[in-house]
Amino acid sequence: MDVKEASHFSLDPKSVFKNSVLYREFLLEREEILKHKWHLSEQAGHDVGFEKGLLDWIVKHRVAWRANREKELAKEKEIC
């Protein structure tokens, strides 16, 4: 890494975090949880809350979602 690259990271450490693969995966997973919470709330006729939506999603959907996401990432790597 040259001096320009090093100084870029030190000037804006938040951009490094926001552009990380881990953060992007977190945002995608959070979006799925919020969609699930919305569906549960619609069924219940009231806001069920984030914690209930999160726990229900983890128990019922996370394993399948994660497996599907890993397949998508593998396909993306093949294309590159």
Protein backbone atom coordinates (compact mmCIF):
# COMPACT_ATOMS: atom_id res chain seq x y z
CA MET A 1 0.00 0.00 0.00
CA ASP A 2 1.50 3.33 -0.98
CA VAL A 3 1.33 6.58 1.01
CA LYS A 4 -1.72 7.89 -0.89
CA GLU A 5 -3.73 4.75 -0.09
CA ALA A 6 -2.68 4.77 3.56
CA SER A 7 -3.61 8.42 3.98
CA HIS A 8 -6.97 7.81 2.31
CA PHE A 9 -7.87 5.18 4.89
CA SER A 10 -6.73 7.34 7.78
CA LEU A 11 -8.78 10.30 6.50
CA ASP A 12 -12.03 8.37 6.27
CA PRO A 13 -12.07 5.17 8.31
CA LYS A 14 -15.89 5.07 8.12
CA SER A 15 -15.74 4.53 4.36
CA VAL A 16 -13.59 1.44 4.85
CA PHE A 17 -16.17 0.04 7.24
CA LYS A 18 -19.18 0.95 5.09
CA ASN A 19 -17.58 -0.61 2.00
CA SER A 20 -16.65 -3.85 3.75
CA VAL A 21 -18.23 -7.11 2.65
CA LEU A 22 -19.24 -7.87 6.22
CA TYR A 23 -21.18 -4.60 6.55
CA ARG A 24 -22.93 -5.11 3.21
CA GLU A 25 -23.96 -8.63 4.26
CA PHE A 26 -25.24 -7.24 7.56
CA LEU A 27 -27.38 -4.69 5.69
CA LEU A 28 -28.85 -7.37 3.41
CA GLU A 29 -29.68 -9.61 6.36
CA ARG A 30 -31.20 -6.68 8.28
CA GLU A 31 -33.39 -5.85 5.29
CA GLU A 32 -34.73 -9.43 5.25
CA ILE A 33 -35.43 -9.28 8.98
CA LEU A 34 -37.34 -6.01 8.60
CA LYS A 35 -39.41 -7.48 5.73
CA HIS A 36 -40.20 -10.50 7.89
CA LYS A 37 -41.17 -8.25 10.82
CA TRP A 38 -43.49 -6.33 8.51
CA HIS A 39 -45.20 -9.54 7.35
CA LEU A 40 -45.63 -10.75 10.93
CA SER A 41 -47.03 -7.37 11.94
CA GLU A 42 -49.50 -7.42 9.05
CA GLN A 43 -50.70 -10.88 10.07
CA ALA A 44 -51.02 -9.86 13.71
CA GLY A 45 -52.71 -6.56 12.94
CA HIS A 46 -50.18 -4.60 15.01
CA ASP A 47 -46.45 -3.96 15.20
CA VAL A 48 -44.87 -7.07 16.68
CA GLY A 49 -41.55 -5.33 17.35
CA PHE A 50 -38.07 -5.88 16.04
CA GLU A 51 -37.05 -8.49 18.60
CA LYS A 52 -39.98 -10.79 17.82
CA GLY A 53 -39.39 -10.35 14.07
CA LEU A 54 -35.68 -11.04 14.47
CA LEU A 55 -36.11 -14.15 16.59
CA ASP A 56 -38.82 -15.57 14.36
CA TRP A 57 -36.72 -14.94 11.25
CA ILE A 58 -33.64 -16.54 12.82
CA VAL A 59 -35.56 -19.67 13.81
CA LYS A 60 -37.55 -20.06 10.59
CA HIS A 61 -35.55 -18.50 7.76
CA ARG A 62 -31.92 -17.64 8.51
CA VAL A 63 -30.33 -20.98 7.63
CA ALA A 64 -32.02 -21.14 4.22
CA TRP A 65 -31.38 -17.45 3.52
CA ARG A 66 -27.70 -17.78 4.43
CA ALA A 67 -27.29 -20.90 2.22
CA ASN A 68 -28.94 -19.11 -0.70
CA ARG A 69 -26.79 -16.03 -0.14
CA GLU A 70 -23.61 -18.12 -0.14
CA LYS A 71 -24.65 -19.66 -3.47
CA GLU A 72 -25.20 -16.17 -4.89
CA LEU A 73 -21.75 -15.06 -3.70
CA ALA A 74 -20.14 -18.16 -5.22
CA LYS A 75 -21.79 -17.40 -8.58
CA GLU A 76 -20.56 -13.80 -8.40
CA LYS A 77 -16.99 -15.04 -7.80
CA GLU A 78 -17.23 -17.38 -10.82
CA ILE A 79 -18.28 -14.50 -13.05
CA CYS A 80 -15.37 -12.30 -11.93
